[in-house]
């Protein structure tokens, strides 16, 4: 029996105030960086990724 093992990617995100946030991004969720930042609520609501990752809102 093969059991797939998932790994987390460790990312350091520095916000606009200069605070470093160390987060674990799960590889089995297929999330892009914008989605990781939103899931950890590192940016105020409505300030990042309001376009859904289509690079249209220029918040990234």
PDB file of N, CA and C in Angstrom:
ATOM      1  N   UNK A   1       0.840  -1.175   0.000  1.00  0.00           N
ATOM      2  CA  UNK A   1       0.000   0.000   0.000  1.00  0.00           C
ATOM      3  C   UNK A   1       0.888   1.242   0.000  1.00  0.00           C
ATOM      4  N   UNK A   2       0.721   2.074  -1.004  1.00  0.00           N
ATOM      5  CA  UNK A   2       1.464   3.326  -1.081  1.00  0.00           C
ATOM      6  C   UNK A   2       0.627   4.458  -0.514  1.00  0.00           C
ATOM      7  N   UNK A   3       1.201   5.159   0.423  1.00  0.00           N
ATOM      8  CA  UNK A   3       0.517   6.308   1.011  1.00  0.00           C
ATOM      9  C   UNK A   3       1.300   7.549   0.612  1.00  0.00           C
ATOM     10  N   UNK A   4       0.628   8.448  -0.074  1.00  0.00           N
ATOM     11  CA  UNK A   4       1.291   9.683  -0.515  1.00  0.00           C
ATOM     12  C   UNK A   4       1.532  10.577   0.696  1.00  0.00           C
ATOM     13  N   UNK A   5       2.746  11.050   0.810  1.00  0.00           N
ATOM     14  CA  UNK A   5       3.095  11.933   1.902  1.00  0.00           C
ATOM     15  C   UNK A   5       3.147  13.363   1.368  1.00  0.00           C
ATOM     16  N   UNK A   6       2.442  14.251   2.021  1.00  0.00           N
ATOM     17  CA  UNK A   6       2.466  15.649   1.605  1.00  0.00           C
ATOM     18  C   UNK A   6       3.481  16.411   2.440  1.00  0.00           C
ATOM     19  N   UNK A   7       4.036  17.419   1.846  1.00  0.00           N
ATOM     20  CA  UNK A   7       5.026  18.239   2.526  1.00  0.00           C
ATOM     21  C   UNK A   7       4.564  19.688   2.493  1.00  0.00           C
ATOM     22  N   UNK A   8       4.969  20.435   3.482  1.00  0.00           N
ATOM     23  CA  UNK A   8       4.688  21.856   3.513  1.00  0.00           C
ATOM     24  C   UNK A   8       5.916  22.610   3.033  1.00  0.00           C
ATOM     25  N   UNK A   9       5.671  23.716   2.367  1.00  0.00           N
ATOM     26  CA  UNK A   9       6.737  24.616   1.961  1.00  0.00           C
ATOM     27  C   UNK A   9       6.760  25.749   2.973  1.00  0.00           C
ATOM     28  N   UNK A  10       7.907  26.008   3.539  1.00  0.00           N
ATOM     29  CA  UNK A  10       8.044  27.084   4.522  1.00  0.00           C
ATOM     30  C   UNK A  10       8.380  28.379   3.792  1.00  0.00           C
ATOM     31  N   UNK A  11       7.562  29.406   4.032  1.00  0.00           N
ATOM     32  CA  UNK A  11       7.703  30.682   3.341  1.00  0.00           C
ATOM     33  C   UNK A  11       7.792  31.797   4.378  1.00  0.00           C
ATOM     34  N   UNK A  12       8.677  32.746   4.146  1.00  0.00           N
ATOM     35  CA  UNK A  12       8.733  33.950   4.961  1.00  0.00           C
ATOM     36  C   UNK A  12       8.173  35.097   4.131  1.00  0.00           C
ATOM     37  N   UNK A  13       7.118  35.707   4.631  1.00  0.00           N
ATOM     38  CA  UNK A  13       6.459  36.818   3.946  1.00  0.00           C
ATOM     39  C   UNK A  13       6.698  38.078   4.765  1.00  0.00           C
ATOM     40  N   UNK A  14       7.217  39.105   4.135  1.00  0.00           N
ATOM     41  CA  UNK A  14       7.431  40.383   4.807  1.00  0.00           C
ATOM     42  C   UNK A  14       6.344  41.336   4.337  1.00  0.00           C
ATOM     43  N   UNK A  15       5.523  41.789   5.291  1.00  0.00           N
ATOM     44  CA  UNK A  15       4.404  42.659   4.926  1.00  0.00           C
ATOM     45  C   UNK A  15       4.864  44.095   4.689  1.00  0.00           C
ATOM     46  N   UNK A  16       3.930  44.953   4.355  1.00  0.00           N
ATOM     47  CA  UNK A  16       4.254  46.338   3.996  1.00  0.00           C
ATOM     48  C   UNK A  16       4.784  47.146   5.172  1.00  0.00           C
ATOM     49  N   UNK A  17       4.539  46.685   6.393  1.00  0.00           N
ATOM     50  CA  UNK A  17       5.069  47.357   7.581  1.00  0.00           C
ATOM     51  C   UNK A  17       6.443  46.825   7.973  1.00  0.00           C
ATOM     52  N   UNK A  18       6.940  45.812   7.256  1.00  0.00           N
ATOM     53  CA  UNK A  18       8.249  45.242   7.532  1.00  0.00           C
ATOM     54  C   UNK A  18       8.249  44.073   8.498  1.00  0.00           C
ATOM     55  N   UNK A  19       7.069  43.599   8.898  1.00  0.00           N
ATOM     56  CA  UNK A  19       6.964  42.458   9.804  1.00  0.00           C
ATOM     57  C   UNK A  19       7.103  41.154   9.027  1.00  0.00           C
ATOM     58  N   UNK A  20       7.968  40.262   9.512  1.00  0.00           N
ATOM     59  CA  UNK A  20       8.158  38.962   8.865  1.00  0.00           C
ATOM     60  C   UNK A  20       7.176  37.949   9.434  1.00  0.00           C
ATOM     61  N   UNK A  21       6.522  37.224   8.541  1.00  0.00           N
ATOM     62  CA  UNK A  21       5.584  36.166   8.921  1.00  0.00           C
ATOM     63  C   UNK A  21       6.114  34.853   8.350  1.00  0.00           C
ATOM     64  N   UNK A  22       6.296  33.867   9.208  1.00  0.00           N
ATOM     65  CA  UNK A  22       6.771  32.546   8.784  1.00  0.00           C
ATOM     66  C   UNK A  22       5.552  31.638   8.680  1.00  0.00           C
ATOM     67  N   UNK A  23       5.256  31.176   7.476  1.00  0.00           N
ATOM     68  CA  UNK A  23       4.053  30.382   7.246  1.00  0.00           C
ATOM     69  C   UNK A  23       4.415  29.065   6.569  1.00  0.00           C
ATOM     70  N   UNK A  24       3.530  28.095   6.698  1.00  0.00           N
ATOM     71  CA  UNK A  24       3.658  26.810   6.024  1.00  0.00           C
ATOM     72  C   UNK A  24       2.591  26.734   4.947  1.00  0.00           C
ATOM     73  N   UNK A  25       3.012  26.579   3.716  1.00  0.00           N
ATOM     74  CA  UNK A  25       2.082  26.444   2.598  1.00  0.00           C
ATOM     75  C   UNK A  25       1.983  24.965   2.246  1.00  0.00           C
ATOM     76  N   UNK A  26       0.792  24.434   2.337  1.00  0.00           N
ATOM     77  CA  UNK A  26       0.593  23.014   2.046  1.00  0.00           C
ATOM     78  C   UNK A  26       0.674  22.772   0.546  1.00  0.00           C
ATOM     79  N   UNK A  27       1.431  21.766   0.153  1.00  0.00           N
ATOM     80  CA  UNK A  27       1.586  21.475  -1.268  1.00  0.00           C
ATOM     81  C   UNK A  27       0.404  20.694  -1.833  1.00  0.00           C
ATOM     82  N   UNK A  28      -0.372  20.045  -0.985  1.00  0.00           N
ATOM     83  CA  UNK A  28      -1.495  19.252  -1.488  1.00  0.00           C
ATOM     84  C   UNK A  28      -2.743  20.097  -1.743  1.00  0.00           C
ATOM     85  N   UNK A  29      -2.704  21.394  -1.444  1.00  0.00           N
ATOM     86  CA  UNK A  29      -3.861  22.260  -1.635  1.00  0.00           C
ATOM     87  C   UNK A  29      -3.795  23.020  -2.961  1.00  0.00           C
ATOM     88  N   UNK A  30      -2.658  22.979  -3.660  1.00  0.00           N
ATOM     89  CA  UNK A  30      -2.468  23.658  -4.944  1.00  0.00           C
ATOM     90  C   UNK A  30      -2.821  25.138  -4.855  1.00  0.00           C
ATOM     91  N   UNK A  31      -2.358  25.803  -3.794  1.00  0.00           N
ATOM     92  CA  UNK A  31      -2.622  27.224  -3.608  1.00  0.00           C
ATOM     93  C   UNK A  31      -1.463  28.041  -4.159  1.00  0.00           C
ATOM     94  N   UNK A  32      -1.771  29.172  -4.796  1.00  0.00           N
ATOM     95  CA  UNK A  32      -0.706  30.075  -5.203  1.00  0.00           C
ATOM     96  C   UNK A  32      -0.366  30.988  -4.032  1.00  0.00           C
ATOM     97  N   UNK A  33       0.667  31.816  -4.194  1.00  0.00           N
ATOM     98  CA  UNK A  33       1.139  32.639  -3.090  1.00  0.00           C
ATOM     99  C   UNK A  33       0.066  33.614  -2.601  1.00  0.00           C
ATOM    100  N   UNK A  34      -0.695  34.190  -3.510  1.00  0.00           N
ATOM    101  CA  UNK A  34      -1.767  35.101  -3.124  1.00  0.00           C
ATOM    102  C   UNK A  34      -2.787  34.389  -2.231  1.00  0.00           C
ATOM    103  N   UNK A  35      -3.137  33.175  -2.578  1.00  0.00           N
ATOM    104  CA  UNK A  35      -4.106  32.415  -1.785  1.00  0.00           C
ATOM    105  C   UNK A  35      -3.548  32.064  -0.410  1.00  0.00           C
ATOM    106  N   UNK A  36      -2.257  31.790  -0.333  1.00  0.00           N
ATOM    107  CA  UNK A  36      -1.627  31.513   0.963  1.00  0.00           C
ATOM    108  C   UNK A  36      -1.705  32.748   1.854  1.00  0.00           C
ATOM    109  N   UNK A  37      -1.360  33.907   1.293  1.00  0.00           N
ATOM    110  CA  UNK A  37      -1.409  35.152   2.064  1.00  0.00           C
ATOM    111  C   UNK A  37      -2.830  35.426   2.539  1.00  0.00           C
ATOM    112  N   UNK A  38      -3.808  35.212   1.680  1.00  0.00           N
ATOM    113  CA  UNK A  38      -5.203  35.437   2.078  1.00  0.00           C
ATOM    114  C   UNK A  38      -5.648  34.431   3.131  1.00  0.00           C
ATOM    115  N   UNK A  39      -5.201  33.184   3.024  1.00  0.00           N
ATOM    116  CA  UNK A  39      -5.632  32.170   3.991  1.00  0.00           C
ATOM    117  C   UNK A  39      -5.079  32.424   5.383  1.00  0.00           C
ATOM    118  N   UNK A  40      -3.888  33.033   5.452  1.00  0.00           N
ATOM    119  CA  UNK A  40      -3.300  33.370   6.750  1.00  0.00           C
ATOM    120  C   UNK A  40      -3.745  34.752   7.239  1.00  0.00           C
ATOM    121  N   UNK A  41      -4.562  35.429   6.437  1.00  0.00           N
ATOM    122  CA  UNK A  41      -5.086  36.758   6.777  1.00  0.00           C
ATOM    123  C   UNK A  41      -3.957  37.732   7.123  1.00  0.00           C
ATOM    124  N   UNK A  42      -2.922  37.759   6.278  1.00  0.00           N
ATOM    125  CA  UNK A  42      -1.780  38.626   6.506  1.00  0.00           C
ATOM    126  C   UNK A  42      -2.004  40.034   5.968  1.00  0.00           C
ATOM    127  N   UNK A  43      -2.975  40.213   5.118  1.00  0.00           N
ATOM    128  CA  UNK A  43      -3.277  41.528   4.563  1.00  0.00           C
ATOM    129  C   UNK A  43      -4.717  41.881   4.916  1.00  0.00           C
ATOM    130  N   UNK A  44      -4.983  43.157   5.174  1.00  0.00           N
ATOM    131  CA  UNK A  44      -6.364  43.558   5.469  1.00  0.00           C
ATOM    132  C   UNK A  44      -7.308  43.158   4.337  1.00  0.00           C
ATOM    133  N   UNK A  45      -8.505  42.779   4.674  1.00  0.00           N
ATOM    134  CA  UNK A  45      -9.503  42.341   3.691  1.00  0.00           C
ATOM    135  C   UNK A  45      -9.700  43.416   2.627  1.00  0.00           C
ATOM    136  N   UNK A  46      -9.674  42.989   1.378  1.00  0.00           N
ATOM    137  CA  UNK A  46      -9.895  43.902   0.276  1.00  0.00           C
ATOM    138  C   UNK A  46      -8.654  44.624  -0.215  1.00  0.00           C
ATOM    139  N   UNK A  47      -7.481  44.304   0.345  1.00  0.00           N
ATOM    140  CA  UNK A  47      -6.267  44.989  -0.092  1.00  0.00           C
ATOM    141  C   UNK A  47      -5.371  44.117  -0.952  1.00  0.00           C
ATOM    142  N   UNK A  48      -5.620  42.835  -0.995  1.00  0.00           N
ATOM    143  CA  UNK A  48      -4.791  41.951  -1.814  1.00  0.00           C
ATOM    144  C   UNK A  48      -5.666  40.875  -2.449  1.00  0.00           C
ATOM    145  N   UNK A  49      -5.409  40.629  -3.696  1.00  0.00           N
ATOM    146  CA  UNK A  49      -6.055  39.529  -4.389  1.00  0.00           C
ATOM    147  C   UNK A  49      -7.535  39.697  -4.650  1.00  0.00           C
ATOM    148  N   UNK A  50      -8.000  40.912  -4.752  1.00  0.00           N
ATOM    149  CA  UNK A  50      -9.434  41.077  -4.999  1.00  0.00           C
ATOM    150  C   UNK A  50      -9.812  40.651  -6.415  1.00  0.00           C
ATOM    151  N   UNK A  51      -8.794  40.509  -7.288  1.00  0.00           N
ATOM    152  CA  UNK A  51      -9.056  40.063  -8.666  1.00  0.00           C
ATOM    153  C   UNK A  51      -9.008  38.537  -8.763  1.00  0.00           C
ATOM    154  N   UNK A  52      -8.675  37.861  -7.666  1.00  0.00           N
ATOM    155  CA  UNK A  52      -8.628  36.406  -7.689  1.00  0.00           C
ATOM    156  C   UNK A  52      -7.370  35.839  -8.293  1.00  0.00           C
ATOM    157  N   UNK A  53      -6.307  36.621  -8.362  1.00  0.00           N
ATOM    158  CA  UNK A  53      -5.052  36.118  -8.894  1.00  0.00           C
ATOM    159  C   UNK A  53      -4.868  36.316 -10.381  1.00  0.00           C
ATOM    160  N   UNK A  54      -5.662  37.180 -10.979  1.00  0.00           N
ATOM    161  CA  UNK A  54      -5.571  37.419 -12.416  1.00  0.00           C
ATOM    162  C   UNK A  54      -4.644  38.587 -12.770  1.00  0.00           C
ATOM    163  N   UNK A  55      -3.954  39.148 -11.766  1.00  0.00           N
ATOM    164  CA  UNK A  55      -3.011  40.271 -11.942  1.00  0.00           C
ATOM    165  C   UNK A  55      -3.679  41.500 -12.540  1.00  0.00           C
ATOM    166  N   UNK A  56      -4.911  41.756 -12.113  1.00  0.00           N
ATOM    167  CA  UNK A  56      -5.645  42.911 -12.624  1.00  0.00           C
ATOM    168  C   UNK A  56      -5.804  44.018 -11.587  1.00  0.00           C
ATOM    169  N   UNK A  57      -5.646  43.700 -10.302  1.00  0.00           N
ATOM    170  CA  UNK A  57      -5.888  44.718  -9.283  1.00  0.00           C
ATOM    171  C   UNK A  57      -4.597  45.395  -8.830  1.00  0.00           C
ATOM    172  N   UNK A  58      -3.446  44.879  -9.230  1.00  0.00           N
ATOM    173  CA  UNK A  58      -2.121  45.441  -8.952  1.00  0.00           C
ATOM    174  C   UNK A  58      -1.794  45.449  -7.453  1.00  0.00           C
ATOM    175  N   UNK A  59      -2.477  44.653  -6.653  1.00  0.00           N
ATOM    176  CA  UNK A  59      -2.146  44.595  -5.226  1.00  0.00           C
ATOM    177  C   UNK A  59      -0.947  43.690  -4.967  1.00  0.00           C
ATOM    178  N   UNK A  60      -0.620  42.846  -5.910  1.00  0.00           N
ATOM    179  CA  UNK A  60       0.532  41.962  -5.738  1.00  0.00           C
ATOM    180  C   UNK A  60       1.792  42.651  -6.213  1.00  0.00           C
TER     181      UNK A  60
END
